[in-house]
Amino acid sequence: QVQLVESGGGLVQAGGSLRLSCAASGLTFSSYAMGWFRQAPGKERESVAGISRGGGNTYYSDSVKGRFTISRDNAKNMVYLQMTSLKPEDTAVYYCAADTLFSRITRRGDYWGQGTQVTVSS
């Protein structure tokens, strides 16, 4: 079955950096756009970043543009989210998602990971 497994979350001070990873299995990875979402306590899940199947197109929410970078390695079935200049408001559970269409990955996913906690202290 399809599995998306996130890792790399943790506690970091404001201004610091973290790199999240998502390992995919059970699907033809290069056939899926990939995305990162996050959900803070008491808030709705929001899209953070997305990347097309080949990696040529990316999307970022306004709140992370210029600070976060999404990338993928189709040979390793991995997608990454490099997060820099972290702010306390970035604190959330971060989820990896896969969807067959890049145009949808900012809104939904066919498959989801279990999430990894990112906590940014002030």
PDB file of N, CA and C in Angstrom:
ATOM      1  N   GLN A   1       0.841  -1.186   0.000  1.00  0.00           N
ATOM      2  CA  GLN A   1       0.000   0.000   0.000  1.00  0.00           C
ATOM      3  C   GLN A   1       0.881   1.243   0.000  1.00  0.00           C
ATOM      4  N   VAL A   2       0.249   2.375  -0.314  1.00  0.00           N
ATOM      5  CA  VAL A   2       0.990   3.623  -0.371  1.00  0.00           C
ATOM      6  C   VAL A   2       1.335   4.079   1.043  1.00  0.00           C
ATOM      7  N   GLN A   3       2.580   4.474   1.205  1.00  0.00           N
ATOM      8  CA  GLN A   3       3.018   5.044   2.478  1.00  0.00           C
ATOM      9  C   GLN A   3       3.816   6.300   2.231  1.00  0.00           C
ATOM     10  N   LEU A   4       3.503   7.317   2.989  1.00  0.00           N
ATOM     11  CA  LEU A   4       4.285   8.544   3.015  1.00  0.00           C
ATOM     12  C   LEU A   4       4.726   8.732   4.463  1.00  0.00           C
ATOM     13  N   VAL A   5       6.017   8.812   4.672  1.00  0.00           N
ATOM     14  CA  VAL A   5       6.540   8.891   6.035  1.00  0.00           C
ATOM     15  C   VAL A   5       7.405  10.133   6.162  1.00  0.00           C
ATOM     16  N   GLU A   6       6.941  11.056   6.994  1.00  0.00           N
ATOM     17  CA  GLU A   6       7.673  12.297   7.219  1.00  0.00           C
ATOM     18  C   GLU A   6       8.690  12.124   8.349  1.00  0.00           C
ATOM     19  N   SER A   7       9.728  12.913   8.279  1.00  0.00           N
ATOM     20  CA  SER A   7      10.726  12.952   9.347  1.00  0.00           C
ATOM     21  C   SER A   7      11.415  14.303   9.324  1.00  0.00           C
ATOM     22  N   GLY A   8      12.150  14.580  10.391  1.00  0.00           N
ATOM     23  CA  GLY A   8      12.937  15.807  10.430  1.00  0.00           C
ATOM     24  C   GLY A   8      12.359  16.918  11.277  1.00  0.00           C
ATOM     25  N   GLY A   9      11.173  16.710  11.816  1.00  0.00           N
ATOM     26  CA  GLY A   9      10.596  17.734  12.677  1.00  0.00           C
ATOM     27  C   GLY A   9      11.332  17.822  13.997  1.00  0.00           C
ATOM     28  N   GLY A  10      10.993  18.835  14.765  1.00  0.00           N
ATOM     29  CA  GLY A  10      11.629  19.000  16.061  1.00  0.00           C
ATOM     30  C   GLY A  10      11.405  20.380  16.618  1.00  0.00           C
ATOM     31  N   LEU A  11      12.182  20.693  17.644  1.00  0.00           N
ATOM     32  CA  LEU A  11      12.109  21.987  18.314  1.00  0.00           C
ATOM     33  C   LEU A  11      13.288  22.835  17.858  1.00  0.00           C
ATOM     34  N   VAL A  12      12.995  24.051  17.460  1.00  0.00           N
ATOM     35  CA  VAL A  12      14.042  24.956  16.983  1.00  0.00           C
ATOM     36  C   VAL A  12      13.720  26.366  17.444  1.00  0.00           C
ATOM     37  N   GLN A  13      14.755  27.158  17.649  1.00  0.00           N
ATOM     38  CA  GLN A  13      14.540  28.552  18.023  1.00  0.00           C
ATOM     39  C   GLN A  13      14.150  29.382  16.817  1.00  0.00           C
ATOM     40  N   ALA A  14      13.457  30.455  17.082  1.00  0.00           N
ATOM     41  CA  ALA A  14      13.102  31.382  16.008  1.00  0.00           C
ATOM     42  C   ALA A  14      14.363  31.825  15.274  1.00  0.00           C
ATOM     43  N   GLY A  15      14.251  31.870  13.958  1.00  0.00           N
ATOM     44  CA  GLY A  15      15.398  32.212  13.130  1.00  0.00           C
ATOM     45  C   GLY A  15      16.190  31.007  12.666  1.00  0.00           C
ATOM     46  N   GLY A  16      15.897  29.872  13.234  1.00  0.00           N
ATOM     47  CA  GLY A  16      16.622  28.656  12.889  1.00  0.00           C
ATOM     48  C   GLY A  16      16.079  27.979  11.645  1.00  0.00           C
ATOM     49  N   SER A  17      16.640  26.805  11.367  1.00  0.00           N
ATOM     50  CA  SER A  17      16.284  26.057  10.164  1.00  0.00           C
ATOM     51  C   SER A  17      16.000  24.602  10.499  1.00  0.00           C
ATOM     52  N   LEU A  18      15.172  24.004   9.668  1.00  0.00           N
ATOM     53  CA  LEU A  18      14.905  22.574   9.731  1.00  0.00           C
ATOM     54  C   LEU A  18      14.704  22.069   8.316  1.00  0.00           C
ATOM     55  N   ARG A  19      15.014  20.798   8.118  1.00  0.00           N
ATOM     56  CA  ARG A  19      14.744  20.175   6.837  1.00  0.00           C
ATOM     57  C   ARG A  19      13.833  18.966   7.071  1.00  0.00           C
ATOM     58  N   LEU A  20      12.657  19.038   6.499  1.00  0.00           N
ATOM     59  CA  LEU A  20      11.739  17.912   6.575  1.00  0.00           C
ATOM     60  C   LEU A  20      11.941  17.003   5.374  1.00  0.00           C
ATOM     61  N   SER A  21      11.762  15.723   5.606  1.00  0.00           N
ATOM     62  CA  SER A  21      11.853  14.731   4.546  1.00  0.00           C
ATOM     63  C   SER A  21      10.583  13.900   4.523  1.00  0.00           C
ATOM     64  N   CYS A  22      10.238  13.427   3.342  1.00  0.00           N
ATOM     65  CA  CYS A  22       9.087  12.535   3.191  1.00  0.00           C
ATOM     66  C   CYS A  22       9.498  11.401   2.268  1.00  0.00           C
ATOM     67  N   ALA A  23       9.448  10.198   2.802  1.00  0.00           N
ATOM     68  CA  ALA A  23       9.792   9.007   2.029  1.00  0.00           C
ATOM     69  C   ALA A  23       8.517   8.361   1.527  1.00  0.00           C
ATOM     70  N   ALA A  24       8.439   8.150   0.233  1.00  0.00           N
ATOM     71  CA  ALA A  24       7.252   7.575  -0.387  1.00  0.00           C
ATOM     72  C   ALA A  24       7.521   6.150  -0.840  1.00  0.00           C
ATOM     73  N   SER A  25       6.514   5.309  -0.691  1.00  0.00           N
ATOM     74  CA  SER A  25       6.603   3.930  -1.170  1.00  0.00           C
ATOM     75  C   SER A  25       5.220   3.461  -1.586  1.00  0.00           C
ATOM     76  N   GLY A  26       5.198   2.441  -2.430  1.00  0.00           N
ATOM     77  CA  GLY A  26       3.924   1.872  -2.858  1.00  0.00           C
ATOM     78  C   GLY A  26       3.233   2.625  -3.972  1.00  0.00           C
ATOM     79  N   LEU A  27       3.906   3.594  -4.556  1.00  0.00           N
ATOM     80  CA  LEU A  27       3.338   4.333  -5.677  1.00  0.00           C
ATOM     81  C   LEU A  27       4.441   4.664  -6.666  1.00  0.00           C
ATOM     82  N   THR A  28       4.028   4.978  -7.891  1.00  0.00           N
ATOM     83  CA  THR A  28       5.003   5.420  -8.890  1.00  0.00           C
ATOM     84  C   THR A  28       5.269   6.888  -8.605  1.00  0.00           C
ATOM     85  N   PHE A  29       6.307   7.123  -7.844  1.00  0.00           N
ATOM     86  CA  PHE A  29       6.556   8.447  -7.260  1.00  0.00           C
ATOM     87  C   PHE A  29       6.606   9.546  -8.314  1.00  0.00           C
ATOM     88  N   SER A  30       7.245   9.278  -9.417  1.00  0.00           N
ATOM     89  CA  SER A  30       7.411  10.315 -10.448  1.00  0.00           C
ATOM     90  C   SER A  30       6.098  10.655 -11.145  1.00  0.00           C
ATOM     91  N   SER A  31       5.046   9.917 -10.873  1.00  0.00           N
ATOM     92  CA  SER A  31       3.731  10.202 -11.457  1.00  0.00           C
ATOM     93  C   SER A  31       2.874  11.094 -10.564  1.00  0.00           C
ATOM     94  N   TYR A  32       3.427  11.501  -9.433  1.00  0.00           N
ATOM     95  CA  TYR A  32       2.666  12.279  -8.469  1.00  0.00           C
ATOM     96  C   TYR A  32       3.314  13.620  -8.188  1.00  0.00           C
ATOM     97  N   ALA A  33       2.477  14.654  -8.189  1.00  0.00           N
ATOM     98  CA  ALA A  33       2.890  15.909  -7.599  1.00  0.00           C
ATOM     99  C   ALA A  33       2.912  15.712  -6.087  1.00  0.00           C
ATOM    100  N   MET A  34       3.795  16.444  -5.441  1.00  0.00           N
ATOM    101  CA  MET A  34       3.932  16.301  -3.991  1.00  0.00           C
ATOM    102  C   MET A  34       3.739  17.654  -3.317  1.00  0.00           C
ATOM    103  N   GLY A  35       3.235  17.591  -2.110  1.00  0.00           N
ATOM    104  CA  GLY A  35       3.012  18.839  -1.400  1.00  0.00           C
ATOM    105  C   GLY A  35       3.253  18.703   0.093  1.00  0.00           C
ATOM    106  N   TRP A  36       3.456  19.826   0.706  1.00  0.00           N
ATOM    107  CA  TRP A  36       3.548  19.918   2.159  1.00  0.00           C
ATOM    108  C   TRP A  36       2.404  20.796   2.653  1.00  0.00           C
ATOM    109  N   PHE A  37       1.754  20.306   3.686  1.00  0.00           N
ATOM    110  CA  PHE A  37       0.685  21.027   4.364  1.00  0.00           C
ATOM    111  C   PHE A  37       1.059  21.140   5.840  1.00  0.00           C
ATOM    112  N   ARG A  38       0.376  22.015   6.534  1.00  0.00           N
ATOM    113  CA  ARG A  38       0.590  22.089   7.978  1.00  0.00           C
ATOM    114  C   ARG A  38      -0.717  22.419   8.674  1.00  0.00           C
ATOM    115  N   GLN A  39      -0.783  22.010   9.927  1.00  0.00           N
ATOM    116  CA  GLN A  39      -1.959  22.305  10.733  1.00  0.00           C
ATOM    117  C   GLN A  39      -1.515  22.649  12.143  1.00  0.00           C
ATOM    118  N   ALA A  40      -1.834  23.866  12.528  1.00  0.00           N
ATOM    119  CA  ALA A  40      -1.542  24.328  13.875  1.00  0.00           C
ATOM    120  C   ALA A  40      -2.750  24.045  14.778  1.00  0.00           C
ATOM    121  N   PRO A  41      -2.539  23.963  16.072  1.00  0.00           N
ATOM    122  CA  PRO A  41      -3.667  23.692  16.988  1.00  0.00           C
ATOM    123  C   PRO A  41      -4.777  24.715  16.821  1.00  0.00           C
ATOM    124  N   GLY A  42      -5.990  24.221  16.671  1.00  0.00           N
ATOM    125  CA  GLY A  42      -7.141  25.098  16.556  1.00  0.00           C
ATOM    126  C   GLY A  42      -7.311  25.766  15.212  1.00  0.00           C
ATOM    127  N   LYS A  43      -6.470  25.398  14.271  1.00  0.00           N
ATOM    128  CA  LYS A  43      -6.541  26.019  12.939  1.00  0.00           C
ATOM    129  C   LYS A  43      -6.775  24.952  11.874  1.00  0.00           C
ATOM    130  N   GLU A  44      -7.238  25.404  10.734  1.00  0.00           N
ATOM    131  CA  GLU A  44      -7.433  24.497   9.617  1.00  0.00           C
ATOM    132  C   GLU A  44      -6.098  24.144   8.978  1.00  0.00           C
ATOM    133  N   ARG A  45      -6.088  23.006   8.338  1.00  0.00           N
ATOM    134  CA  ARG A  45      -4.890  22.618   7.603  1.00  0.00           C
ATOM    135  C   ARG A  45      -4.690  23.568   6.436  1.00  0.00           C
ATOM    136  N   GLU A  46      -3.453  23.946   6.188  1.00  0.00           N
ATOM    137  CA  GLU A  46      -3.167  24.864   5.088  1.00  0.00           C
ATOM    138  C   GLU A  46      -2.036  24.315   4.233  1.00  0.00           C
ATOM    139  N   SER A  47      -2.111  24.652   2.952  1.00  0.00           N
ATOM    140  CA  SER A  47      -1.056  24.270   2.035  1.00  0.00           C
ATOM    141  C   SER A  47       0.159  25.158   2.272  1.00  0.00           C
ATOM    142  N   VAL A  48       1.332  24.555   2.236  1.00  0.00           N
ATOM    143  CA  VAL A  48       2.580  25.288   2.429  1.00  0.00           C
ATOM    144  C   VAL A  48       3.364  25.371   1.131  1.00  0.00           C
ATOM    145  N   ALA A  49       3.523  24.242   0.464  1.00  0.00           N
ATOM    146  CA  ALA A  49       4.326  24.207  -0.756  1.00  0.00           C
ATOM    147  C   ALA A  49       3.927  22.995  -1.585  1.00  0.00           C
ATOM    148  N   GLY A  50       4.177  23.092  -2.885  1.00  0.00           N
ATOM    149  CA  GLY A  50       3.914  21.980  -3.780  1.00  0.00           C
ATOM    150  C   GLY A  50       4.954  21.923  -4.869  1.00  0.00           C
ATOM    151  N   ILE A  51       5.126  20.729  -5.434  1.00  0.00           N
ATOM    152  CA  ILE A  51       6.102  20.551  -6.499  1.00  0.00           C
ATOM    153  C   ILE A  51       5.542  19.575  -7.518  1.00  0.00           C
ATOM    154  N   SER A  52       5.784  19.875  -8.783  1.00  0.00           N
ATOM    155  CA  SER A  52       5.255  19.046  -9.857  1.00  0.00           C
ATOM    156  C   SER A  52       6.014  17.728  -9.959  1.00  0.00           C
ATOM    157  N   ARG A  53       5.526  16.845 -10.802  1.00  0.00           N
ATOM    158  CA  ARG A  53       6.077  15.500 -10.891  1.00  0.00           C
ATOM    159  C   ARG A  53       7.566  15.495 -11.202  1.00  0.00           C
ATOM    160  N   GLY A  54       7.949  16.333 -12.140  1.00  0.00           N
ATOM    161  CA  GLY A  54       9.351  16.385 -12.529  1.00  0.00           C
ATOM    162  C   GLY A  54      10.163  17.397 -11.742  1.00  0.00           C
ATOM    163  N   GLY A  55       9.495  18.183 -10.929  1.00  0.00           N
ATOM    164  CA  GLY A  55      10.190  19.182 -10.120  1.00  0.00           C
ATOM    165  C   GLY A  55      10.341  20.526 -10.781  1.00  0.00           C
ATOM    166  N   GLY A  56       9.823  20.669 -11.991  1.00  0.00           N
ATOM    167  CA  GLY A  56      10.024  21.913 -12.715  1.00  0.00           C
ATOM    168  C   GLY A  56       9.130  23.058 -12.267  1.00  0.00           C
ATOM    169  N   ASN A  57       8.042  22.722 -11.603  1.00  0.00           N
ATOM    170  CA  ASN A  57       7.124  23.753 -11.106  1.00  0.00           C
ATOM    171  C   ASN A  57       6.962  23.614  -9.606  1.00  0.00           C
ATOM    172  N   THR A  58       6.956  24.762  -8.953  1.00  0.00           N
ATOM    173  CA  THR A  58       6.761  24.773  -7.505  1.00  0.00           C
ATOM    174  C   THR A  58       5.731  25.823  -7.125  1.00  0.00           C
ATOM    175  N   TYR A  59       5.197  25.636  -5.952  1.00  0.00           N
ATOM    176  CA  TYR A  59       4.214  26.570  -5.386  1.00  0.00           C
ATOM    177  C   TYR A  59       4.560  26.792  -3.927  1.00  0.00           C
ATOM    178  N   TYR A  60       4.381  28.037  -3.483  1.00  0.00           N
ATOM    179  CA  TYR A  60       4.564  28.366  -2.073  1.00  0.00           C
ATOM    180  C   TYR A  60       3.434  29.267  -1.605  1.00  0.00           C
ATOM    181  N   SER A  61       2.987  29.051  -0.407  1.00  0.00           N
ATOM    182  CA  SER A  61       2.031  29.983   0.172  1.00  0.00           C
ATOM    183  C   SER A  61       2.753  31.290   0.488  1.00  0.00           C
ATOM    184  N   ASP A  62       2.006  32.348   0.541  1.00  0.00           N
ATOM    185  CA  ASP A  62       2.607  33.656   0.805  1.00  0.00           C
ATOM    186  C   ASP A  62       3.325  33.678   2.155  1.00  0.00           C
ATOM    187  N   SER A  63       2.830  32.914   3.089  1.00  0.00           N
ATOM    188  CA  SER A  63       3.390  32.952   4.440  1.00  0.00           C
ATOM    189  C   SER A  63       4.789  32.337   4.521  1.00  0.00           C
ATOM    190  N   VAL A  64       5.166  31.533   3.530  1.00  0.00           N
ATOM    191  CA  VAL A  64       6.478  30.876   3.598  1.00  0.00           C
ATOM    192  C   VAL A  64       7.377  31.227   2.418  1.00  0.00           C
ATOM    193  N   LYS A  65       6.841  31.941   1.460  1.00  0.00           N
ATOM    194  CA  LYS A  65       7.605  32.269   0.258  1.00  0.00           C
ATOM    195  C   LYS A  65       8.884  33.009   0.631  1.00  0.00           C
ATOM    196  N   GLY A  66       9.983  32.556   0.063  1.00  0.00           N
ATOM    197  CA  GLY A  66      11.268  33.177   0.356  1.00  0.00           C
ATOM    198  C   GLY A  66      11.981  32.569   1.551  1.00  0.00           C
ATOM    199  N   ARG A  67      11.279  31.756   2.332  1.00  0.00           N
ATOM    200  CA  ARG A  67      11.890  31.128   3.512  1.00  0.00           C
ATOM    201  C   ARG A  67      11.953  29.599   3.381  1.00  0.00           C
ATOM    202  N   PHE A  68      10.991  29.024   2.702  1.00  0.00           N
ATOM    203  CA  PHE A  68      10.918  27.566   2.548  1.00  0.00           C
ATOM    204  C   PHE A  68      11.234  27.194   1.102  1.00  0.00           C
ATOM    205  N   THR A  69      11.838  26.023   0.935  1.00  0.00           N
ATOM    206  CA  THR A  69      12.128  25.502  -0.393  1.00  0.00           C
ATOM    207  C   THR A  69      11.727  24.035  -0.457  1.00  0.00           C
ATOM    208  N   ILE A  70      10.901  23.706  -1.440  1.00  0.00           N
ATOM    209  CA  ILE A  70      10.510  22.320  -1.644  1.00  0.00           C
ATOM    210  C   ILE A  70      11.352  21.736  -2.768  1.00  0.00           C
ATOM    211  N   SER A  71      11.723  20.489  -2.619  1.00  0.00           N
ATOM    212  CA  SER A  71      12.488  19.805  -3.658  1.00  0.00           C
ATOM    213  C   SER A  71      12.140  18.321  -3.610  1.00  0.00           C
ATOM    214  N   ARG A  72      12.541  17.619  -4.653  1.00  0.00           N
ATOM    215  CA  ARG A  72      12.274  16.197  -4.700  1.00  0.00           C
ATOM    216  C   ARG A  72      13.410  15.465  -5.383  1.00  0.00           C
ATOM    217  N   ASP A  73      13.534  14.193  -5.062  1.00  0.00           N
ATOM    218  CA  ASP A  73      14.505  13.313  -5.691  1.00  0.00           C
ATOM    219  C   ASP A  73      13.734  12.088  -6.161  1.00  0.00           C
ATOM    220  N   ASN A  74      13.417  12.050  -7.436  1.00  0.00           N
ATOM    221  CA  ASN A  74      12.597  10.952  -7.949  1.00  0.00           C
ATOM    222  C   ASN A  74      13.344   9.621  -7.932  1.00  0.00           C
ATOM    223  N   ALA A  75      14.643   9.674  -7.970  1.00  0.00           N
ATOM    224  CA  ALA A  75      15.423   8.428  -7.911  1.00  0.00           C
ATOM    225  C   ALA A  75      15.339   7.786  -6.526  1.00  0.00           C
ATOM    226  N   LYS A  76      15.115   8.607  -5.514  1.00  0.00           N
ATOM    227  CA  LYS A  76      15.059   8.111  -4.137  1.00  0.00           C
ATOM    228  C   LYS A  76      13.647   8.099  -3.566  1.00  0.00           C
ATOM    229  N   ASN A  77      12.672   8.535  -4.357  1.00  0.00           N
ATOM    230  CA  ASN A  77      11.276   8.616  -3.891  1.00  0.00           C
ATOM    231  C   ASN A  77      11.159   9.488  -2.647  1.00  0.00           C
ATOM    232  N   MET A  78      11.812  10.638  -2.707  1.00  0.00           N
ATOM    233  CA  MET A  78      11.846  11.531  -1.556  1.00  0.00           C
ATOM    234  C   MET A  78      11.410  12.936  -1.961  1.00  0.00           C
ATOM    235  N   VAL A  79      10.758  13.604  -1.026  1.00  0.00           N
ATOM    236  CA  VAL A  79      10.457  15.023  -1.173  1.00  0.00           C
ATOM    237  C   VAL A  79      10.910  15.712   0.118  1.00  0.00           C
ATOM    238  N   TYR A  80      11.397  16.929  -0.041  1.00  0.00           N
ATOM    239  CA  TYR A  80      11.991  17.649   1.080  1.00  0.00           C
ATOM    240  C   TYR A  80      11.349  19.029   1.229  1.00  0.00           C
ATOM    241  N   LEU A  81      11.430  19.538   2.436  1.00  0.00           N
ATOM    242  CA  LEU A  81      11.035  20.920   2.681  1.00  0.00           C
ATOM    243  C   LEU A  81      12.116  21.541   3.550  1.00  0.00           C
ATOM    244  N   GLN A  82      12.910  22.400   2.931  1.00  0.00           N
ATOM    245  CA  GLN A  82      13.936  23.135   3.659  1.00  0.00           C
ATOM    246  C   GLN A  82      13.296  24.393   4.215  1.00  0.00           C
ATOM    247  N   MET A  83      13.342  24.538   5.512  1.00  0.00           N
ATOM    248  CA  MET A  83      12.691  25.667   6.173  1.00  0.00           C
ATOM    249  C   MET A  83      13.764  26.514   6.853  1.00  0.00           C
ATOM    250  N   THR A  84      13.802  27.782   6.513  1.00  0.00           N
ATOM    251  CA  THR A  84      14.762  28.702   7.112  1.00  0.00           C
ATOM    252  C   THR A  84      14.023  29.891   7.711  1.00  0.00           C
ATOM    253  N   SER A  85      14.740  30.667   8.492  1.00  0.00           N
ATOM    254  CA  SER A  85      14.164  31.855   9.142  1.00  0.00           C
ATOM    255  C   SER A  85      12.834  31.517   9.803  1.00  0.00           C
ATOM    256  N   LEU A  86      12.829  30.435  10.535  1.00  0.00           N
ATOM    257  CA  LEU A  86      11.588  29.961  11.137  1.00  0.00           C
ATOM    258  C   LEU A  86      11.052  30.933  12.168  1.00  0.00           C
ATOM    259  N   LYS A  87       9.737  30.995  12.219  1.00  0.00           N
ATOM    260  CA  LYS A  87       9.027  31.891  13.124  1.00  0.00           C
ATOM    261  C   LYS A  87       8.124  31.059  14.041  1.00  0.00           C
ATOM    262  N   PRO A  88       7.791  31.585  15.192  1.00  0.00           N
ATOM    263  CA  PRO A  88       6.874  30.839  16.083  1.00  0.00           C
ATOM    264  C   PRO A  88       5.563  30.469  15.405  1.00  0.00           C
ATOM    265  N   GLU A  89       5.104  31.302  14.483  1.00  0.00           N
ATOM    266  CA  GLU A  89       3.848  30.998  13.789  1.00  0.00           C
ATOM    267  C   GLU A  89       3.982  29.856  12.783  1.00  0.00           C
ATOM    268  N   ASP A  90       5.178  29.371  12.567  1.00  0.00           N
ATOM    269  CA  ASP A  90       5.375  28.187  11.735  1.00  0.00           C
ATOM    270  C   ASP A  90       5.139  26.898  12.525  1.00  0.00           C
ATOM    271  N   THR A  91       4.945  27.019  13.816  1.00  0.00           N
ATOM    272  CA  THR A  91       4.691  25.850  14.651  1.00  0.00           C
ATOM    273  C   THR A  91       3.424  25.137  14.209  1.00  0.00           C
ATOM    274  N   ALA A  92       3.555  23.850  13.917  1.00  0.00           N
ATOM    275  CA  ALA A  92       2.428  23.068  13.405  1.00  0.00           C
ATOM    276  C   ALA A  92       2.877  21.629  13.205  1.00  0.00           C
ATOM    277  N   VAL A  93       1.902  20.782  12.927  1.00  0.00           N
ATOM    278  CA  VAL A  93       2.213  19.449  12.411  1.00  0.00           C
ATOM    279  C   VAL A  93       2.275  19.576  10.894  1.00  0.00           C
ATOM    280  N   TYR A  94       3.365  19.098  10.332  1.00  0.00           N
ATOM    281  CA  TYR A  94       3.581  19.195   8.888  1.00  0.00           C
ATOM    282  C   TYR A  94       3.326  17.840   8.244  1.00  0.00           C
ATOM    283  N   TYR A  95       2.538  17.875   7.175  1.00  0.00           N
ATOM    284  CA  TYR A  95       2.139  16.665   6.486  1.00  0.00           C
ATOM    285  C   TYR A  95       2.630  16.687   5.037  1.00  0.00           C
ATOM    286  N   CYS A  96       3.020  15.538   4.584  1.00  0.00           N
ATOM    287  CA  CYS A  96       3.381  15.321   3.197  1.00  0.00           C
ATOM    288  C   CYS A  96       2.169  14.736   2.478  1.00  0.00           C
ATOM    289  N   ALA A  97       1.936  15.133   1.233  1.00  0.00           N
ATOM    290  CA  ALA A  97       0.803  14.626   0.473  1.00  0.00           C
ATOM    291  C   ALA A  97       1.215  14.366  -0.970  1.00  0.00           C
ATOM    292  N   ALA A  98       0.515  13.440  -1.599  1.00  0.00           N
ATOM    293  CA  ALA A  98       0.752  13.107  -3.006  1.00  0.00           C
ATOM    294  C   ALA A  98      -0.553  13.219  -3.766  1.00  0.00           C
ATOM    295  N   ASP A  99      -0.495  13.794  -4.936  1.00  0.00           N
ATOM    296  CA  ASP A  99      -1.661  13.904  -5.802  1.00  0.00           C
ATOM    297  C   ASP A  99      -1.214  13.760  -7.241  1.00  0.00           C
ATOM    298  N   THR A 100      -2.090  13.212  -8.056  1.00  0.00           N
ATOM    299  CA  THR A 100      -1.702  13.010  -9.453  1.00  0.00           C
ATOM    300  C   THR A 100      -1.594  14.324 -10.224  1.00  0.00           C
ATOM    301  N   LEU A 101      -2.230  15.380  -9.741  1.00  0.00           N
ATOM    302  CA  LEU A 101      -2.215  16.642 -10.463  1.00  0.00           C
ATOM    303  C   LEU A 101      -1.577  17.752  -9.639  1.00  0.00           C
ATOM    304  N   PHE A 102      -0.637  18.462 -10.225  1.00  0.00           N
ATOM    305  CA  PHE A 102      -0.014  19.606  -9.560  1.00  0.00           C
ATOM    306  C   PHE A 102      -1.054  20.687  -9.275  1.00  0.00           C
ATOM    307  N   SER A 103      -2.033  20.827 -10.148  1.00  0.00           N
ATOM    308  CA  SER A 103      -3.049  21.873  -9.966  1.00  0.00           C
ATOM    309  C   SER A 103      -3.914  21.627  -8.738  1.00  0.00           C
ATOM    310  N   ARG A 104      -3.888  20.412  -8.234  1.00  0.00           N
ATOM    311  CA  ARG A 104      -4.706  20.098  -7.056  1.00  0.00           C
ATOM    312  C   ARG A 104      -3.893  20.042  -5.780  1.00  0.00           C
ATOM    313  N   ILE A 105      -2.573  19.950  -5.871  1.00  0.00           N
ATOM    314  CA  ILE A 105      -1.760  19.650  -4.692  1.00  0.00           C
ATOM    315  C   ILE A 105      -1.768  20.796  -3.687  1.00  0.00           C
ATOM    316  N   THR A 106      -2.234  21.965  -4.108  1.00  0.00           N
ATOM    317  CA  THR A 106      -2.342  23.063  -3.142  1.00  0.00           C
ATOM    318  C   THR A 106      -3.626  22.963  -2.330  1.00  0.00           C
ATOM    319  N   ARG A 107      -4.489  22.030  -2.707  1.00  0.00           N
ATOM    320  CA  ARG A 107      -5.779  21.947  -2.022  1.00  0.00           C
ATOM    321  C   ARG A 107      -6.021  20.579  -1.405  1.00  0.00           C
ATOM    322  N   ARG A 108      -5.422  19.536  -1.957  1.00  0.00           N
ATOM    323  CA  ARG A 108      -5.775  18.198  -1.501  1.00  0.00           C
ATOM    324  C   ARG A 108      -4.685  17.221  -1.873  1.00  0.00           C
ATOM    325  N   GLY A 109      -4.854  16.002  -1.418  1.00  0.00           N
ATOM    326  CA  GLY A 109      -3.926  14.944  -1.789  1.00  0.00           C
ATOM    327  C   GLY A 109      -4.664  13.616  -1.842  1.00  0.00           C
ATOM    328  N   ASP A 110      -4.166  12.733  -2.706  1.00  0.00           N
ATOM    329  CA  ASP A 110      -4.721  11.379  -2.767  1.00  0.00           C
ATOM    330  C   ASP A 110      -4.224  10.559  -1.579  1.00  0.00           C
ATOM    331  N   TYR A 111      -2.997  10.876  -1.171  1.00  0.00           N
ATOM    332  CA  TYR A 111      -2.374  10.128  -0.086  1.00  0.00           C
ATOM    333  C   TYR A 111      -1.716  11.113   0.876  1.00  0.00           C
ATOM    334  N   TRP A 112      -1.680  10.715   2.141  1.00  0.00           N
ATOM    335  CA  TRP A 112      -1.153  11.577   3.192  1.00  0.00           C
ATOM    336  C   TRP A 112      -0.213  10.807   4.117  1.00  0.00           C
ATOM    337  N   GLY A 113       0.761  11.517   4.640  1.00  0.00           N
ATOM    338  CA  GLY A 113       1.601  10.961   5.685  1.00  0.00           C
ATOM    339  C   GLY A 113       0.968  11.193   7.047  1.00  0.00           C
ATOM    340  N   GLN A 114       1.660  10.747   8.069  1.00  0.00           N
ATOM    341  CA  GLN A 114       1.116  10.834   9.420  1.00  0.00           C
ATOM    342  C   GLN A 114       1.481  12.140  10.110  1.00  0.00           C
ATOM    343  N   GLY A 115       2.409  12.869   9.535  1.00  0.00           N
ATOM    344  CA  GLY A 115       2.766  14.174  10.067  1.00  0.00           C
ATOM    345  C   GLY A 115       3.994  14.151  10.953  1.00  0.00           C
ATOM    346  N   THR A 116       4.657  15.288  11.021  1.00  0.00           N
ATOM    347  CA  THR A 116       5.795  15.478  11.906  1.00  0.00           C
ATOM    348  C   THR A 116       5.663  16.850  12.561  1.00  0.00           C
ATOM    349  N   GLN A 117       5.927  16.906  13.854  1.00  0.00           N
ATOM    350  CA  GLN A 117       5.726  18.138  14.612  1.00  0.00           C
ATOM    351  C   GLN A 117       6.918  19.066  14.447  1.00  0.00           C
ATOM    352  N   VAL A 118       6.622  20.306  14.160  1.00  0.00           N
ATOM    353  CA  VAL A 118       7.634  21.371  14.135  1.00  0.00           C
ATOM    354  C   VAL A 118       7.217  22.410  15.174  1.00  0.00           C
ATOM    355  N   THR A 119       8.110  22.690  16.081  1.00  0.00           N
ATOM    356  CA  THR A 119       7.845  23.679  17.121  1.00  0.00           C
ATOM    357  C   THR A 119       8.950  24.727  17.085  1.00  0.00           C
ATOM    358  N   VAL A 120       8.550  25.974  16.934  1.00  0.00           N
ATOM    359  CA  VAL A 120       9.508  27.074  16.875  1.00  0.00           C
ATOM    360  C   VAL A 120       9.313  27.923  18.122  1.00  0.00           C
ATOM    361  N   SER A 121      10.359  28.016  18.927  1.00  0.00           N
ATOM    362  CA  SER A 121      10.273  28.788  20.157  1.00  0.00           C
ATOM    363  C   SER A 121      10.748  30.216  19.920  1.00  0.00           C
ATOM    364  N   SER A 122      10.160  31.129  20.659  1.00  0.00           N
ATOM    365  CA  SER A 122      10.519  32.549  20.488  1.00  0.00           C
ATOM    366  C   SER A 122      11.665  32.950  21.392  1.00  0.00           C
TER     367      SER A 122
END
